[in-house]
Amino acid sequence: MTDVKSGPVPFAPDIPTGRSRRVRGRPLLHTSYAQDMALLDTPAKRVSTGLLVLLALGLSVVLADRSLEVLAGAYVLAIGAIGLNIVTGYAGQVSLGHAFFVAIGAYTAAALSGPTGQDVIGYGVAEIWIWLPAAGLVAAAAGVLVAPLATRLRGLYLAIVTLGLVFLGEHVLKEWKALTGGPGVGREAAVPQLLGYRLDQDGPLGTREQVLYLLMLVLLVAFAVAARNLARSRVGRAFAAIRDRDIAAAVMGVPLTRYKVLAFGISSFYAGCAGGLLYSVSGYVEPGSFSLLMSVQFIAMVLIGGVATVSGAIAGALFISLLQPLTRALPSLLPVISADTTQTPNVFQVETVLYGLLIVLFLVFEPRGLFGLWVRARNYWKSWPFSY
């Protein structure tokens, strides 16, 4: 195939079958729609993703149990951060009430898994393949009920409404002692059991921490792939259109109400599943945990990691989760900072200030977050030694 003006061209699509061949040495040159929409569209992405998964699997036999427990919690928080990124990053609906949906999922899972005949509600269904989807679906139902507000409000007004859900949820959870056990008392979290095998106990598969770590890693990969596929689908493109300009999206035929409700429902499903899994790692859930600070933590994960990117949400969750052990060690390094919440300043106040400072710094100097830093490093490496 020859172009009259410019001579030979480097590739030629197969007209009868619609197929096309990739040019050797030019992996970013896509010659078909399927190549452009592939989940991992370059060999470098496939190799690096495989190496990251192998590295994560290898950590289960290298790290100590305490470190594995911290990473398992970080993977669960990454699932919740991906959910918040769907509604805020992809669909553009600002939500500060993520802790409310996490609480719904946590107590739904705890109630289904809890033993019957106790002081708190329990139904004795300990199988994780039952209580985990149920936790997500109940939280999604709550998100769908709240979602109609998103069709009438946006921006700061929507953020204030979702913020009110956090304080409403705190009050209900503290007063509903039959479900939560009450403030300062709490209750046993959901029991991770699969086909009669307890995953929160030492067994033939390894220690308790190793088994929970591998479980959370597998679930994180599943939720991340599902979110990435959602972003590449027709639904994801509708979310992006609404985020960029909802009026223009409506003119193009995108039903705003349907997709805003869907965004809140999917985000709440992720939050509910994260709530059910998060406290199964520690084995204990207390109503005071679902405060405004938890919502701020999720917002920090999304903004620090990178808005509208699945990998950025995971990176932000790992960053915030691995930052906590460092802040909790501050009282031993700085005596002026107390570990007692009744004294000022304490480590929890320092954490809150640190989250706000990190959000401001990233928004000012790198709005795309850790994902943006990675893109800068990758582009510099690809263009080196040239500066353009």
Protein backbone atom coordinates (compact mmCIF):
# COMPACT_ATOMS: atom_id res chain seq x y z
CA MET A 1 0.00 0.00 0.00
CA THR A 2 1.51 3.33 -1.08
CA ASP A 3 0.47 6.89 -0.39
CA VAL A 4 0.93 9.21 -3.43
CA LYS A 5 2.06 12.14 -1.31
CA SER A 6 4.16 10.51 1.40
CA GLY A 7 5.23 7.17 -0.05
CA PRO A 8 4.94 3.82 1.73
CA VAL A 9 3.02 3.69 5.01
CA PRO A 10 4.18 1.36 7.82
CA PHE A 11 1.01 -0.74 8.16
CA ALA A 12 -1.99 -1.88 6.13
CA PRO A 13 -5.29 -3.11 7.62
CA ASP A 14 -6.89 -6.22 6.23
CA ILE A 15 -9.96 -4.76 4.53
CA PRO A 16 -12.04 -7.94 4.03
CA THR A 17 -11.78 -9.20 7.60
CA GLY A 18 -11.29 -5.93 9.50
CA ARG A 19 -8.12 -7.27 11.10
CA SER A 20 -4.90 -5.36 11.46
CA ARG A 21 -1.38 -6.18 12.42
CA ARG A 22 0.74 -4.37 15.00
CA VAL A 23 3.95 -2.81 13.73
CA ARG A 24 7.07 -4.30 15.26
CA GLY A 25 8.76 -1.89 17.65
CA ARG A 26 5.77 0.45 17.85
CA PRO A 27 3.51 -1.01 20.58
CA LEU A 28 1.52 2.22 21.01
CA LEU A 29 0.46 2.26 17.37
CA HIS A 30 -3.01 0.68 17.48
CA THR A 31 -4.51 -0.35 14.16
CA SER A 32 -7.84 -1.69 15.40
CA TYR A 33 -10.53 -0.75 17.88
CA ALA A 34 -9.93 -3.95 19.87
CA GLN A 35 -6.26 -3.04 20.39
CA ASP A 36 -7.16 0.47 21.52
CA MET A 37 -9.73 -0.81 24.05
CA ALA A 38 -7.64 -3.66 25.45
CA LEU A 39 -7.31 -3.80 29.22
CA LEU A 40 -3.51 -4.01 28.99
CA ASP A 41 -2.80 -2.62 25.54
CA THR A 42 1.02 -2.80 25.52
CA PRO A 43 3.53 -5.55 26.34
CA ALA A 44 5.10 -3.28 28.97
CA LYS A 45 1.79 -2.98 30.82
CA ARG A 46 1.21 -6.72 30.71
CA VAL A 47 4.70 -7.52 31.96
CA SER A 48 4.69 -4.87 34.71
CA THR A 49 1.22 -5.89 35.92
CA GLY A 50 2.26 -9.53 36.06
CA LEU A 51 5.42 -8.66 37.98
CA LEU A 52 3.45 -6.57 40.49
CA VAL A 53 1.02 -9.42 41.11
CA LEU A 54 3.89 -11.88 41.55
CA LEU A 55 5.62 -9.46 43.93
CA ALA A 56 2.44 -9.09 45.99
CA LEU A 57 2.09 -12.88 46.17
CA GLY A 58 5.72 -13.24 47.17
CA LEU A 59 5.31 -10.81 50.07
CA SER A 60 3.05 -13.34 51.80
CA VAL A 61 6.07 -15.57 52.54
CA VAL A 62 8.64 -12.82 53.09
CA LEU A 63 7.01 -10.30 55.44
CA ALA A 64 6.16 -10.77 59.08
CA ASP A 65 2.57 -11.41 60.14
CA ARG A 66 2.10 -7.90 61.49
CA SER A 67 3.18 -6.35 58.19
CA LEU A 68 0.87 -8.70 56.27
CA GLU A 69 -2.04 -7.61 58.46
CA VAL A 70 -1.33 -3.95 57.68
CA LEU A 71 -1.14 -4.69 53.95
CA ALA A 72 -4.35 -6.74 54.07
CA GLY A 73 -6.14 -3.74 55.58
CA ALA A 74 -4.58 -1.50 52.94
CA TYR A 75 -5.94 -3.73 50.16
CA VAL A 76 -9.43 -3.51 51.64
CA LEU A 77 -9.18 0.27 51.90
CA ALA A 78 -8.10 0.28 48.25
CA ILE A 79 -11.39 -1.43 47.34
CA GLY A 80 -13.29 1.34 49.13
CA ALA A 81 -11.13 4.02 47.48
CA ILE A 82 -11.88 2.55 44.05
CA GLY A 83 -15.58 2.81 44.87
CA LEU A 84 -15.25 6.47 45.84
CA ASN A 85 -13.23 7.11 42.70
CA ILE A 86 -16.08 5.74 40.59
CA VAL A 87 -18.62 8.26 41.86
CA THR A 88 -16.25 11.21 42.40
CA GLY A 89 -13.47 10.68 39.89
CA TYR A 90 -15.30 9.10 36.97
CA ALA A 91 -18.84 10.46 37.44
CA GLY A 92 -17.88 13.80 39.00
CA GLN A 93 -20.33 13.57 41.94
CA VAL A 94 -18.56 14.84 45.06
CA SER A 95 -19.30 12.57 48.02
CA LEU A 96 -18.12 13.05 51.61
CA GLY A 97 -20.34 10.33 53.03
CA HIS A 98 -18.30 7.27 52.09
CA ALA A 99 -17.92 6.27 55.75
CA PHE A 100 -21.71 5.96 56.00
CA PHE A 101 -21.83 3.27 53.31
CA VAL A 102 -18.77 1.51 54.74
CA ALA A 103 -20.61 1.31 58.08
CA ILE A 104 -23.71 -0.18 56.44
CA GLY A 105 -21.59 -2.89 54.83
CA ALA A 106 -19.66 -3.61 58.01
CA TYR A 107 -22.74 -4.09 60.19
CA THR A 108 -24.67 -5.99 57.53
CA ALA A 109 -21.81 -8.46 57.30
CA ALA A 110 -21.43 -8.62 61.08
CA ALA A 111 -25.16 -9.22 61.62
CA LEU A 112 -25.33 -11.98 59.01
CA SER A 113 -22.16 -13.67 60.25
CA GLY A 114 -22.78 -13.19 63.98
CA PRO A 115 -24.01 -16.09 66.15
CA THR A 116 -27.67 -16.27 67.05
CA GLY A 117 -29.04 -15.90 70.55
CA GLN A 118 -26.59 -13.19 71.62
CA ASP A 119 -27.13 -9.66 72.94
CA VAL A 120 -26.60 -8.30 69.42
CA ILE A 121 -28.34 -9.25 66.19
CA GLY A 122 -26.88 -12.32 64.50
CA TYR A 123 -28.05 -14.85 61.93
CA GLY A 124 -25.16 -17.35 61.97
CA VAL A 125 -24.35 -17.15 58.23
CA ALA A 126 -20.55 -17.16 58.28
CA GLU A 127 -19.90 -18.05 54.63
CA ILE A 128 -18.08 -15.14 53.00
CA TRP A 129 -19.69 -15.77 49.61
CA ILE A 130 -23.04 -14.93 51.25
CA TRP A 131 -22.36 -12.05 53.60
CA LEU A 132 -19.89 -10.20 51.34
CA PRO A 133 -22.31 -9.68 48.39
CA ALA A 134 -25.11 -8.99 50.88
CA ALA A 135 -23.05 -6.25 52.54
CA GLY A 136 -22.42 -4.66 49.16
CA LEU A 137 -26.04 -4.93 48.03
CA VAL A 138 -27.48 -3.40 51.21
CA ALA A 139 -25.02 -0.51 50.97
CA ALA A 140 -25.85 -0.15 47.26
CA ALA A 141 -29.56 0.03 48.11
CA ALA A 142 -28.80 2.85 50.55
CA GLY A 143 -26.76 4.59 47.86
CA VAL A 144 -29.62 4.32 45.38
CA LEU A 145 -31.96 5.90 47.93
CA VAL A 146 -29.58 8.82 48.42
CA ALA A 147 -28.77 9.14 44.71
CA PRO A 148 -31.90 11.11 43.68
CA LEU A 149 -30.39 14.04 45.58
CA ALA A 150 -27.52 13.94 43.10
CA THR A 151 -29.89 14.69 40.25
CA ARG A 152 -30.96 17.93 41.92
CA LEU A 153 -27.72 18.98 43.61
CA ARG A 154 -24.11 19.15 42.55
CA GLY A 155 -20.80 20.57 43.68
CA LEU A 156 -20.67 22.01 47.17
CA TYR A 157 -24.38 21.40 47.83
CA LEU A 158 -24.06 17.68 47.11
CA ALA A 159 -20.93 17.48 49.25
CA ILE A 160 -22.77 19.02 52.22
CA VAL A 161 -25.70 16.60 51.86
CA THR A 162 -23.42 13.55 51.76
CA LEU A 163 -21.48 14.97 54.70
CA GLY A 164 -24.72 15.01 56.68
CA LEU A 165 -25.03 11.26 56.12
CA VAL A 166 -21.89 10.70 58.18
CA PHE A 167 -23.29 12.49 61.25
CA LEU A 168 -26.69 10.85 60.78
CA GLY A 169 -25.03 7.45 60.59
CA GLU A 170 -22.92 8.11 63.68
CA HIS A 171 -26.02 8.93 65.73
CA VAL A 172 -27.99 5.89 64.52
CA LEU A 173 -25.11 3.47 65.11
CA LYS A 174 -24.44 4.74 68.62
CA GLU A 175 -28.11 4.43 69.58
CA TRP A 176 -28.87 1.11 67.84
CA LYS A 177 -27.13 -1.03 70.44
CA ALA A 178 -28.96 -4.19 69.38
CA LEU A 179 -26.98 -4.07 66.14
CA THR A 180 -23.72 -2.33 67.05
CA GLY A 181 -23.27 -3.18 70.73
CA GLY A 182 -23.05 0.50 71.60
CA PRO A 183 -20.13 2.97 71.71
CA GLY A 184 -17.10 1.69 73.56
CA VAL A 185 -18.46 -1.87 73.49
CA GLY A 186 -18.76 -2.83 69.85
CA ARG A 187 -19.27 -6.34 68.56
CA GLU A 188 -17.47 -9.15 66.74
CA ALA A 189 -16.95 -8.43 63.05
CA ALA A 190 -17.89 -10.73 60.19
CA VAL A 191 -16.23 -14.15 60.26
CA PRO A 192 -14.47 -14.98 56.97
CA GLN A 193 -15.42 -18.59 56.34
CA LEU A 194 -15.35 -20.37 52.98
CA LEU A 195 -17.05 -23.77 52.56
CA GLY A 196 -16.74 -24.44 56.27
CA TYR A 197 -13.06 -23.45 56.47
CA ARG A 198 -12.22 -20.54 58.78
CA LEU A 199 -9.93 -18.10 56.99
CA ASP A 200 -9.15 -16.14 60.16
CA GLN A 201 -7.32 -19.02 61.84
CA ASP A 202 -3.99 -20.75 61.31
CA GLY A 203 -4.30 -23.75 59.01
CA PRO A 204 -2.69 -25.75 56.22
CA LEU A 205 -2.69 -22.70 53.94
CA GLY A 206 -0.51 -20.73 56.36
CA THR A 207 -0.93 -18.44 59.32
CA ARG A 208 -4.04 -16.36 59.87
CA GLU A 209 -2.35 -13.23 58.54
CA GLN A 210 -1.05 -15.00 55.42
CA VAL A 211 -4.47 -16.41 54.54
CA LEU A 212 -6.24 -13.09 55.07
CA TYR A 213 -3.55 -11.29 53.08
CA LEU A 214 -3.98 -13.59 50.08
CA LEU A 215 -7.78 -13.34 50.34
CA MET A 216 -7.73 -9.54 50.31
CA LEU A 217 -5.22 -9.50 47.45
CA VAL A 218 -7.40 -11.74 45.29
CA LEU A 219 -10.50 -9.66 46.04
CA LEU A 220 -8.64 -6.40 45.31
CA VAL A 221 -7.55 -7.70 41.90
CA ALA A 222 -11.12 -8.78 41.13
CA PHE A 223 -12.65 -5.44 42.16
CA ALA A 224 -9.93 -3.45 40.35
CA VAL A 225 -10.39 -5.36 37.08
CA ALA A 226 -14.17 -4.89 37.32
CA ALA A 227 -13.77 -1.13 37.86
CA ARG A 228 -11.28 -0.82 35.01
CA ASN A 229 -13.63 -2.64 32.65
CA LEU A 230 -16.49 -0.44 33.82
CA ALA A 231 -14.47 2.68 32.98
CA ARG A 232 -13.83 1.36 29.44
CA SER A 233 -17.47 0.50 28.83
CA ARG A 234 -20.41 2.55 27.62
CA VAL A 235 -21.32 3.25 31.25
CA GLY A 236 -17.85 4.59 32.00
CA ARG A 237 -17.94 6.90 28.99
CA ALA A 238 -21.33 8.18 30.14
CA PHE A 239 -19.86 8.85 33.60
CA ALA A 240 -17.00 10.82 32.03
CA ALA A 241 -19.41 12.85 29.91
CA ILE A 242 -21.48 13.76 32.98
CA ARG A 243 -18.34 14.69 34.90
CA ASP A 244 -16.97 16.93 32.17
CA ARG A 245 -20.24 18.71 31.36
CA ASP A 246 -23.59 17.30 32.40
CA ILE A 247 -25.61 19.71 30.24
CA ALA A 248 -23.68 18.69 27.12
CA ALA A 249 -24.09 15.02 28.10
CA ALA A 250 -27.85 15.47 28.39
CA VAL A 251 -27.95 17.15 24.97
CA MET A 252 -26.10 14.16 23.50
CA GLY A 253 -28.74 11.82 24.91
CA VAL A 254 -27.12 10.62 28.13
CA PRO A 255 -29.86 10.08 30.77
CA LEU A 256 -28.40 11.97 33.73
CA THR A 257 -30.67 10.55 36.43
CA ARG A 258 -30.08 6.94 35.45
CA TYR A 259 -26.30 7.19 35.34
CA LYS A 260 -25.96 9.30 38.49
CA VAL A 261 -28.04 6.75 40.41
CA LEU A 262 -25.95 3.97 38.91
CA ALA A 263 -22.71 5.70 39.93
CA PHE A 264 -23.87 6.05 43.54
CA GLY A 265 -25.10 2.46 43.59
CA ILE A 266 -21.83 0.99 42.29
CA SER A 267 -19.73 3.20 44.57
CA SER A 268 -21.83 2.21 47.59
CA PHE A 269 -21.52 -1.48 46.64
CA TYR A 270 -17.73 -1.18 46.71
CA ALA A 271 -17.90 0.69 50.04
CA GLY A 272 -20.18 -1.94 51.58
CA CYS A 273 -17.91 -4.78 50.52
CA ALA A 274 -14.90 -2.88 51.88
CA GLY A 275 -16.71 -2.34 55.19
CA GLY A 276 -17.52 -6.03 55.52
CA LEU A 277 -13.93 -7.05 54.79
CA LEU A 278 -12.09 -4.31 56.68
CA TYR A 279 -13.13 -5.36 60.17
CA SER A 280 -12.92 -9.08 59.47
CA VAL A 281 -9.16 -8.51 59.50
CA SER A 282 -9.18 -7.07 63.03
CA GLY A 283 -12.15 -9.16 64.19
CA TYR A 284 -13.87 -6.24 65.98
CA VAL A 285 -16.08 -3.36 64.86
CA GLU A 286 -17.07 -0.31 66.94
CA PRO A 287 -19.57 2.43 65.92
CA GLY A 288 -17.15 5.25 66.68
CA SER A 289 -14.91 4.15 63.80
CA PHE A 290 -17.22 5.52 61.11
CA SER A 291 -16.60 9.20 61.66
CA LEU A 292 -15.80 12.13 59.42
CA LEU A 293 -12.12 11.20 59.70
CA MET A 294 -12.77 7.99 57.75
CA SER A 295 -14.44 9.94 54.94
CA VAL A 296 -11.50 12.35 54.90
CA GLN A 297 -9.15 9.38 54.69
CA PHE A 298 -10.93 8.05 51.61
CA ILE A 299 -10.93 11.51 50.01
CA ALA A 300 -7.19 11.74 50.71
CA MET A 301 -6.61 8.33 49.12
CA VAL A 302 -8.36 9.37 45.91
CA LEU A 303 -6.76 12.82 45.65
CA ILE A 304 -3.27 11.70 46.64
CA GLY A 305 -3.37 8.59 44.46
CA GLY A 306 -4.95 10.15 41.40
CA VAL A 307 -8.52 11.03 40.45
CA ALA A 308 -10.29 8.86 37.84
CA THR A 309 -7.62 6.14 37.85
CA VAL A 310 -7.95 2.69 39.40
CA SER A 311 -4.21 2.32 39.91
CA GLY A 312 -4.12 5.76 41.53
CA ALA A 313 -6.81 4.77 44.05
CA ILE A 314 -4.78 1.67 44.96
CA ALA A 315 -1.57 3.69 45.28
CA GLY A 316 -3.31 6.29 47.45
CA ALA A 317 -4.76 3.63 49.75
CA LEU A 318 -1.37 2.00 50.18
CA PHE A 319 0.24 5.40 50.83
CA ILE A 320 -2.25 6.40 53.53
CA SER A 321 -2.32 2.93 55.13
CA LEU A 322 1.47 2.68 55.34
CA LEU A 323 1.60 6.24 56.70
CA GLN A 324 -0.45 5.31 59.78
CA PRO A 325 2.17 3.03 61.40
CA LEU A 326 4.65 5.90 61.12
CA THR A 327 2.34 8.42 62.77
CA ARG A 328 1.43 5.95 65.53
CA ALA A 329 5.14 5.72 66.38
CA LEU A 330 5.46 9.49 66.88
CA PRO A 331 4.82 9.45 70.69
CA SER A 332 7.98 7.39 71.19
CA LEU A 333 10.00 9.81 69.05
CA LEU A 334 8.37 13.12 70.07
CA PRO A 335 7.23 13.16 73.72
CA VAL A 336 5.17 16.30 73.07
CA ILE A 337 2.75 14.20 71.00
CA SER A 338 0.56 11.95 73.15
CA ALA A 339 -1.01 8.59 72.30
CA ASP A 340 -3.95 9.44 74.59
CA THR A 341 -6.94 10.89 72.76
CA THR A 342 -7.88 13.01 75.80
CA GLN A 343 -4.68 15.03 75.54
CA THR A 344 -3.60 17.61 72.97
CA PRO A 345 -1.79 17.19 70.66
CA ASN A 346 -2.28 13.48 70.08
CA VAL A 347 -1.46 11.18 67.18
CA PHE A 348 -5.00 11.25 65.78
CA GLN A 349 -4.96 15.04 65.57
CA VAL A 350 -1.58 14.87 63.88
CA GLU A 351 -2.97 12.38 61.36
CA THR A 352 -5.91 14.66 60.54
CA VAL A 353 -3.63 17.67 60.03
CA LEU A 354 -1.28 15.55 57.94
CA TYR A 355 -4.09 14.35 55.65
CA GLY A 356 -5.23 17.92 55.06
CA LEU A 357 -1.68 19.09 54.40
CA LEU A 358 -1.03 16.28 51.91
CA ILE A 359 -4.29 17.01 50.07
CA VAL A 360 -3.38 20.70 49.74
CA LEU A 361 0.17 19.95 48.60
CA PHE A 362 -0.89 17.44 45.97
CA LEU A 363 -3.69 19.64 44.65
CA VAL A 364 -1.29 22.59 44.30
CA PHE A 365 1.85 20.87 42.98
CA GLU A 366 0.58 17.63 41.40
CA PRO A 367 -3.21 17.53 40.87
CA ARG A 368 -2.97 14.09 39.24
CA GLY A 369 -1.48 12.64 42.44
CA LEU A 370 0.91 9.71 42.60
CA PHE A 371 -0.36 8.53 39.24
CA GLY A 372 0.70 11.88 37.77
CA LEU A 373 4.19 11.47 39.24
CA TRP A 374 4.42 8.06 37.62
CA VAL A 375 3.29 9.50 34.25
CA ARG A 376 5.94 12.22 34.50
CA ALA A 377 8.68 9.69 35.26
CA ARG A 378 7.51 7.41 32.46
CA ASN A 379 7.38 10.24 29.90
CA TYR A 380 10.83 11.45 30.95
CA TRP A 381 12.25 7.96 30.49
CA LYS A 382 10.56 7.53 27.09
CA SER A 383 11.78 10.89 25.78
CA TRP A 384 15.29 10.82 27.28
CA PRO A 385 17.74 12.32 26.39
CA PHE A 386 15.43 14.85 24.75
CA SER A 387 13.44 17.34 26.81
CA TYR A 388 10.39 17.47 24.56
